[in-house]
N, C-alpha and C. Protein backbone atom coordinates (compact mmCIF):
# COMPACT_ATOMS: atom_id res chain seq x y z
N MET A 1 -153.21 92.13 12.21
CA MET A 1 -152.62 91.76 13.48
C MET A 1 -152.92 90.28 13.77
N ASN A 2 -151.93 89.59 14.31
CA ASN A 2 -152.09 88.18 14.62
C ASN A 2 -152.94 88.00 15.87
N LYS A 3 -153.85 87.04 15.80
CA LYS A 3 -154.63 86.73 17.00
C LYS A 3 -153.77 85.87 17.91
N PRO A 4 -153.99 85.98 19.22
CA PRO A 4 -153.22 85.14 20.15
C PRO A 4 -153.48 83.66 19.89
N LEU A 5 -152.47 82.87 20.14
CA LEU A 5 -152.61 81.42 19.97
C LEU A 5 -153.46 80.85 21.10
N ASP A 6 -154.29 79.87 20.77
CA ASP A 6 -155.00 79.18 21.84
C ASP A 6 -154.05 78.12 22.42
N LYS A 7 -154.48 77.47 23.49
CA LYS A 7 -153.61 76.52 24.19
C LYS A 7 -153.13 75.40 23.27
N ASN A 8 -154.02 74.84 22.44
CA ASN A 8 -153.62 73.76 21.54
C ASN A 8 -152.59 74.22 20.52
N GLU A 9 -152.79 75.40 19.96
CA GLU A 9 -151.82 75.94 18.99
C GLU A 9 -150.48 76.21 19.67
N MET A 10 -150.54 76.75 20.88
CA MET A 10 -149.31 77.03 21.62
C MET A 10 -148.57 75.73 21.93
N ASP A 11 -149.29 74.72 22.39
CA ASP A 11 -148.66 73.43 22.70
C ASP A 11 -148.04 72.82 21.45
N PHE A 12 -148.73 72.94 20.31
CA PHE A 12 -148.20 72.42 19.05
C PHE A 12 -146.88 73.12 18.70
N GLU A 13 -146.87 74.45 18.79
CA GLU A 13 -145.66 75.21 18.46
C GLU A 13 -144.52 74.90 19.43
N ILE A 14 -144.84 74.77 20.70
CA ILE A 14 -143.81 74.42 21.68
C ILE A 14 -143.20 73.07 21.34
N THR A 15 -144.03 72.09 21.03
CA THR A 15 -143.53 70.76 20.65
C THR A 15 -142.65 70.85 19.41
N PHE A 16 -143.08 71.66 18.44
CA PHE A 16 -142.32 71.84 17.21
C PHE A 16 -140.94 72.41 17.50
N TYR A 17 -140.89 73.51 18.27
CA TYR A 17 -139.59 74.14 18.55
C TYR A 17 -138.72 73.27 19.44
N GLU A 18 -139.30 72.56 20.39
CA GLU A 18 -138.51 71.65 21.21
C GLU A 18 -137.87 70.57 20.34
N GLY A 19 -138.62 70.07 19.36
CA GLY A 19 -138.08 69.07 18.44
C GLY A 19 -136.95 69.62 17.60
N LEU A 20 -137.14 70.83 17.10
CA LEU A 20 -136.07 71.48 16.33
C LEU A 20 -134.79 71.61 17.15
N LEU A 21 -134.97 72.02 18.40
CA LEU A 21 -133.81 72.28 19.25
C LEU A 21 -133.10 71.01 19.68
N GLU A 22 -133.79 69.87 19.63
CA GLU A 22 -133.11 68.61 19.90
C GLU A 22 -132.05 68.35 18.83
N LYS A 23 -132.36 68.76 17.60
CA LYS A 23 -131.44 68.55 16.48
C LYS A 23 -130.41 69.68 16.37
N LYS A 24 -130.82 70.91 16.72
CA LYS A 24 -129.96 72.09 16.60
C LYS A 24 -130.09 72.94 17.85
N PRO A 25 -129.40 72.56 18.95
CA PRO A 25 -129.60 73.22 20.23
C PRO A 25 -129.21 74.70 20.28
N ALA A 26 -128.42 75.17 19.33
CA ALA A 26 -128.00 76.58 19.34
C ALA A 26 -128.74 77.41 18.29
N PHE A 27 -129.88 76.95 17.82
CA PHE A 27 -130.68 77.65 16.81
C PHE A 27 -131.36 78.83 17.51
N VAL A 28 -130.74 80.00 17.39
CA VAL A 28 -131.14 81.19 18.14
C VAL A 28 -132.60 81.58 17.90
N GLU A 29 -133.02 81.57 16.66
CA GLU A 29 -134.39 81.98 16.35
C GLU A 29 -135.41 81.02 16.98
N ALA A 30 -135.11 79.73 16.95
CA ALA A 30 -136.02 78.75 17.56
C ALA A 30 -136.02 78.90 19.08
N LEU A 31 -134.85 79.15 19.65
CA LEU A 31 -134.78 79.38 21.10
C LEU A 31 -135.62 80.60 21.49
N ALA A 32 -135.47 81.68 20.73
CA ALA A 32 -136.22 82.91 21.04
C ALA A 32 -137.73 82.67 20.95
N ALA A 33 -138.15 81.96 19.92
CA ALA A 33 -139.58 81.67 19.76
C ALA A 33 -140.08 80.79 20.90
N LEU A 34 -139.30 79.78 21.26
CA LEU A 34 -139.70 78.88 22.34
C LEU A 34 -139.76 79.62 23.68
N GLY A 35 -138.77 80.45 23.95
CA GLY A 35 -138.79 81.23 25.19
C GLY A 35 -140.01 82.11 25.28
N ASP A 36 -140.37 82.73 24.18
CA ASP A 36 -141.56 83.59 24.13
C ASP A 36 -142.83 82.77 24.39
N LEU A 37 -142.91 81.61 23.79
CA LEU A 37 -144.08 80.74 23.99
C LEU A 37 -144.19 80.28 25.45
N TYR A 38 -143.06 79.87 26.04
CA TYR A 38 -143.09 79.46 27.44
C TYR A 38 -143.61 80.59 28.32
N THR A 39 -143.11 81.79 28.08
CA THR A 39 -143.52 82.94 28.89
C THR A 39 -145.00 83.23 28.71
N LYS A 40 -145.47 83.20 27.47
CA LYS A 40 -146.90 83.45 27.22
C LYS A 40 -147.77 82.40 27.90
N ARG A 41 -147.27 81.19 28.00
CA ARG A 41 -148.01 80.10 28.63
C ARG A 41 -147.90 80.16 30.16
N GLY A 42 -147.02 81.01 30.67
CA GLY A 42 -146.85 81.14 32.12
C GLY A 42 -145.79 80.22 32.69
N ASP A 43 -145.03 79.56 31.82
CA ASP A 43 -143.92 78.70 32.27
C ASP A 43 -142.65 79.55 32.40
N TYR A 44 -142.65 80.41 33.43
CA TYR A 44 -141.57 81.40 33.56
C TYR A 44 -140.21 80.77 33.82
N GLU A 45 -140.15 79.69 34.58
CA GLU A 45 -138.86 79.03 34.83
C GLU A 45 -138.28 78.48 33.53
N LYS A 46 -139.13 77.85 32.71
CA LYS A 46 -138.66 77.34 31.41
C LYS A 46 -138.23 78.50 30.51
N GLY A 47 -138.99 79.59 30.53
CA GLY A 47 -138.62 80.76 29.75
C GLY A 47 -137.28 81.31 30.19
N LEU A 48 -137.04 81.35 31.50
CA LEU A 48 -135.76 81.82 32.02
C LEU A 48 -134.61 80.94 31.54
N LYS A 49 -134.80 79.61 31.58
CA LYS A 49 -133.74 78.71 31.11
C LYS A 49 -133.38 79.01 29.66
N ILE A 50 -134.38 79.25 28.83
CA ILE A 50 -134.14 79.55 27.42
C ILE A 50 -133.42 80.90 27.30
N ASP A 51 -133.89 81.90 28.04
CA ASP A 51 -133.26 83.22 27.96
C ASP A 51 -131.81 83.18 28.44
N LEU A 52 -131.52 82.38 29.45
CA LEU A 52 -130.13 82.24 29.91
C LEU A 52 -129.27 81.60 28.82
N LYS A 53 -129.82 80.61 28.14
CA LYS A 53 -129.07 79.97 27.05
C LYS A 53 -128.82 80.97 25.92
N LEU A 54 -129.84 81.75 25.58
CA LEU A 54 -129.68 82.78 24.54
C LEU A 54 -128.63 83.81 24.94
N ALA A 55 -128.65 84.23 26.20
CA ALA A 55 -127.68 85.22 26.68
C ALA A 55 -126.26 84.65 26.65
N HIS A 56 -126.14 83.35 26.85
CA HIS A 56 -124.83 82.72 26.74
C HIS A 56 -124.35 82.71 25.28
N LEU A 57 -125.29 82.45 24.36
CA LEU A 57 -124.95 82.41 22.93
C LEU A 57 -124.68 83.80 22.36
N LYS A 58 -125.43 84.80 22.83
CA LYS A 58 -125.32 86.16 22.31
C LYS A 58 -125.30 87.15 23.48
N PRO A 59 -124.17 87.21 24.20
CA PRO A 59 -124.11 87.96 25.46
C PRO A 59 -124.25 89.48 25.34
N HIS A 60 -124.16 90.02 24.15
CA HIS A 60 -124.25 91.48 24.00
C HIS A 60 -125.47 91.90 23.18
N ASP A 61 -126.39 91.00 22.97
CA ASP A 61 -127.59 91.32 22.21
C ASP A 61 -128.59 92.02 23.14
N PRO A 62 -128.92 93.29 22.86
CA PRO A 62 -129.78 94.04 23.78
C PRO A 62 -131.20 93.47 23.92
N ILE A 63 -131.74 92.89 22.86
CA ILE A 63 -133.09 92.32 22.93
C ILE A 63 -133.09 91.05 23.77
N ILE A 64 -132.09 90.22 23.58
CA ILE A 64 -131.97 89.00 24.37
C ILE A 64 -131.81 89.35 25.85
N LEU A 65 -130.98 90.34 26.14
CA LEU A 65 -130.79 90.76 27.53
C LEU A 65 -132.07 91.36 28.10
N TYR A 66 -132.79 92.12 27.30
CA TYR A 66 -134.06 92.69 27.74
C TYR A 66 -135.04 91.57 28.12
N ASN A 67 -135.13 90.56 27.25
CA ASN A 67 -136.03 89.43 27.53
C ASN A 67 -135.60 88.66 28.77
N LEU A 68 -134.29 88.55 28.98
CA LEU A 68 -133.79 87.89 30.18
C LEU A 68 -134.20 88.70 31.42
N ALA A 69 -134.10 90.01 31.34
CA ALA A 69 -134.53 90.86 32.47
C ALA A 69 -136.02 90.66 32.74
N CYS A 70 -136.81 90.53 31.68
CA CYS A 70 -138.24 90.27 31.85
C CYS A 70 -138.48 88.95 32.57
N SER A 71 -137.75 87.92 32.19
CA SER A 71 -137.91 86.61 32.84
C SER A 71 -137.57 86.72 34.33
N TYR A 72 -136.47 87.39 34.63
CA TYR A 72 -136.11 87.56 36.04
C TYR A 72 -137.20 88.32 36.79
N SER A 73 -137.72 89.38 36.19
CA SER A 73 -138.76 90.17 36.83
C SER A 73 -140.02 89.35 37.07
N LEU A 74 -140.42 88.57 36.08
CA LEU A 74 -141.62 87.73 36.23
C LEU A 74 -141.48 86.74 37.39
N LEU A 75 -140.25 86.33 37.66
CA LEU A 75 -139.99 85.40 38.75
C LEU A 75 -139.62 86.13 40.04
N ASN A 76 -139.76 87.44 40.02
CA ASN A 76 -139.50 88.31 41.18
C ASN A 76 -138.04 88.24 41.63
N ARG A 77 -137.15 88.00 40.71
CA ARG A 77 -135.70 88.01 40.98
C ARG A 77 -135.19 89.41 40.60
N ILE A 78 -135.50 90.36 41.46
CA ILE A 78 -135.35 91.77 41.14
C ILE A 78 -133.89 92.19 40.97
N ASP A 79 -132.99 91.70 41.82
CA ASP A 79 -131.58 92.07 41.67
C ASP A 79 -131.05 91.66 40.30
N ALA A 80 -131.33 90.44 39.90
CA ALA A 80 -130.88 89.95 38.59
C ALA A 80 -131.56 90.72 37.47
N ALA A 81 -132.85 91.02 37.63
CA ALA A 81 -133.58 91.78 36.60
C ALA A 81 -132.96 93.17 36.44
N PHE A 82 -132.65 93.81 37.55
CA PHE A 82 -132.08 95.16 37.50
C PHE A 82 -130.71 95.15 36.82
N GLU A 83 -129.85 94.24 37.23
CA GLU A 83 -128.52 94.14 36.62
C GLU A 83 -128.62 93.87 35.11
N THR A 84 -129.55 93.01 34.74
CA THR A 84 -129.68 92.62 33.34
C THR A 84 -130.27 93.74 32.50
N ILE A 85 -131.23 94.50 33.03
CA ILE A 85 -131.81 95.60 32.24
C ILE A 85 -130.76 96.69 32.05
N GLN A 86 -129.91 96.91 33.05
CA GLN A 86 -128.81 97.87 32.88
C GLN A 86 -127.88 97.42 31.76
N LYS A 87 -127.56 96.14 31.75
CA LYS A 87 -126.67 95.60 30.71
C LYS A 87 -127.33 95.73 29.34
N ALA A 88 -128.64 95.47 29.26
CA ALA A 88 -129.35 95.60 27.99
C ALA A 88 -129.24 97.03 27.46
N VAL A 89 -129.42 98.00 28.33
CA VAL A 89 -129.31 99.41 27.93
C VAL A 89 -127.87 99.72 27.53
N ASP A 90 -126.91 99.25 28.30
CA ASP A 90 -125.49 99.46 27.95
C ASP A 90 -125.16 98.87 26.57
N CYS A 91 -125.84 97.78 26.22
CA CYS A 91 -125.60 97.12 24.93
C CYS A 91 -126.43 97.71 23.79
N GLY A 92 -127.25 98.72 24.09
CA GLY A 92 -127.96 99.41 23.03
C GLY A 92 -129.48 99.38 23.09
N TYR A 93 -130.07 98.73 24.10
CA TYR A 93 -131.53 98.74 24.17
C TYR A 93 -131.99 100.17 24.41
N ASP A 94 -132.92 100.66 23.59
CA ASP A 94 -133.33 102.06 23.73
C ASP A 94 -134.82 102.32 23.54
N ASN A 95 -135.64 101.27 23.60
CA ASN A 95 -137.08 101.47 23.48
C ASN A 95 -137.65 101.73 24.89
N PHE A 96 -137.33 102.92 25.41
CA PHE A 96 -137.69 103.24 26.79
C PHE A 96 -139.19 103.38 27.02
N PRO A 97 -139.96 103.91 26.07
CA PRO A 97 -141.41 103.94 26.30
C PRO A 97 -141.99 102.54 26.52
N PHE A 98 -141.50 101.55 25.76
CA PHE A 98 -141.99 100.18 25.94
C PHE A 98 -141.51 99.62 27.27
N LEU A 99 -140.26 99.87 27.60
CA LEU A 99 -139.68 99.39 28.84
C LEU A 99 -140.50 99.89 30.04
N GLU A 100 -141.00 101.11 29.95
CA GLU A 100 -141.75 101.69 31.06
C GLU A 100 -143.19 101.18 31.18
N LYS A 101 -143.67 100.45 30.18
CA LYS A 101 -145.04 99.93 30.28
C LYS A 101 -145.14 98.41 30.14
N ASP A 102 -144.06 97.74 29.78
CA ASP A 102 -144.08 96.29 29.58
C ASP A 102 -144.51 95.60 30.88
N LYS A 103 -145.62 94.86 30.80
CA LYS A 103 -146.16 94.20 32.00
C LYS A 103 -145.19 93.18 32.58
N ASP A 104 -144.32 92.62 31.78
CA ASP A 104 -143.35 91.65 32.29
C ASP A 104 -142.37 92.29 33.27
N LEU A 105 -142.20 93.60 33.19
CA LEU A 105 -141.26 94.29 34.07
C LEU A 105 -141.93 94.96 35.26
N HIS A 106 -143.20 94.64 35.50
CA HIS A 106 -143.94 95.27 36.59
C HIS A 106 -143.20 95.17 37.92
N ASN A 107 -142.73 93.97 38.27
CA ASN A 107 -142.03 93.78 39.54
C ASN A 107 -140.77 94.64 39.62
N LEU A 108 -140.05 94.74 38.52
CA LEU A 108 -138.83 95.54 38.50
C LEU A 108 -139.14 97.03 38.64
N ARG A 109 -140.19 97.48 37.97
CA ARG A 109 -140.53 98.91 38.03
C ARG A 109 -140.87 99.38 39.44
N GLU A 110 -141.24 98.46 40.32
CA GLU A 110 -141.58 98.80 41.71
C GLU A 110 -140.32 99.10 42.53
N ASP A 111 -139.16 98.72 42.03
CA ASP A 111 -137.90 98.88 42.75
C ASP A 111 -137.35 100.31 42.57
N ASN A 112 -136.94 100.94 43.67
CA ASN A 112 -136.41 102.31 43.62
C ASN A 112 -135.18 102.43 42.73
N ARG A 113 -134.34 101.40 42.71
CA ARG A 113 -133.14 101.45 41.86
C ARG A 113 -133.53 101.60 40.40
N PHE A 114 -134.56 100.87 40.00
CA PHE A 114 -135.02 100.97 38.61
C PHE A 114 -135.56 102.37 38.34
N GLN A 115 -136.34 102.91 39.27
CA GLN A 115 -136.89 104.25 39.09
C GLN A 115 -135.77 105.28 38.97
N GLN A 116 -134.74 105.15 39.78
CA GLN A 116 -133.58 106.05 39.69
C GLN A 116 -132.86 105.87 38.35
N PHE A 117 -132.71 104.64 37.94
CA PHE A 117 -132.06 104.35 36.66
C PHE A 117 -132.81 104.99 35.50
N MET A 118 -134.12 104.84 35.49
CA MET A 118 -134.93 105.44 34.42
C MET A 118 -134.87 106.96 34.46
N ALA A 119 -134.86 107.54 35.66
CA ALA A 119 -134.74 108.99 35.78
C ALA A 119 -133.41 109.46 35.22
N SER A 120 -132.35 108.70 35.46
CA SER A 120 -131.03 109.09 34.94
C SER A 120 -131.00 108.99 33.42
N ILE A 121 -131.70 108.03 32.87
CA ILE A 121 -131.77 107.89 31.42
C ILE A 121 -132.52 109.07 30.81
N ARG A 122 -133.59 109.46 31.46
CA ARG A 122 -134.39 110.58 30.97
C ARG A 122 -133.73 111.93 31.28
N GLY A 123 -132.70 111.91 32.13
CA GLY A 123 -132.04 113.16 32.49
C GLY A 123 -132.85 113.98 33.47
N LYS A 124 -133.78 113.34 34.16
CA LYS A 124 -134.62 114.04 35.13
C LYS A 124 -134.25 113.57 36.53
N PRO A 125 -134.47 114.41 37.52
CA PRO A 125 -134.22 113.93 38.88
C PRO A 125 -135.23 112.85 39.25
N PHE A 126 -134.79 111.93 40.04
CA PHE A 126 -135.65 110.86 40.51
C PHE A 126 -136.69 111.47 41.43
N LYS A 127 -137.97 111.22 41.14
CA LYS A 127 -139.03 111.88 41.89
C LYS A 127 -139.11 111.40 43.33
N GLY A 128 -138.48 110.31 43.66
CA GLY A 128 -138.49 109.82 45.04
C GLY A 128 -137.31 110.34 45.85
N GLU A 129 -136.48 111.19 45.23
CA GLU A 129 -135.29 111.73 45.90
C GLU A 129 -135.67 112.64 47.05
N ALA A 130 -134.88 112.60 48.09
CA ALA A 130 -135.09 113.55 49.19
C ALA A 130 -134.68 114.94 48.73
N LYS A 131 -135.44 115.94 49.13
CA LYS A 131 -135.12 117.32 48.75
C LYS A 131 -134.41 117.99 49.88
N ALA A 132 -133.45 118.82 49.53
CA ALA A 132 -132.65 119.54 50.55
C ALA A 132 -133.41 120.73 51.07
């Protein structure tokens, strides 16, 4: 298992990917790596900008959409996070156990719409539903 990068290693990699993207701005793999590094460093706005660019380049990629939903959630943009996670699932995202524990989606998981959405995916009634 890879050990987490320290700040100097992370800064080095960020500089590397930023340089690559100056020459090839649509390099999807470099964008994805840079977005991940920004998020790990806590630069959520920069991570969101990268995720939006990726979603523009690959609008139906479920992993890219999932990561975009995470960025929105980290910035507490719950409406956008909810819409984007629905789109990710519609496009094929299906790692629901991870989705239910990913710390990046903590803010989104607090929303009743998300809880209802997950209940519908599991085929179970939403536990917050009013009973007749």
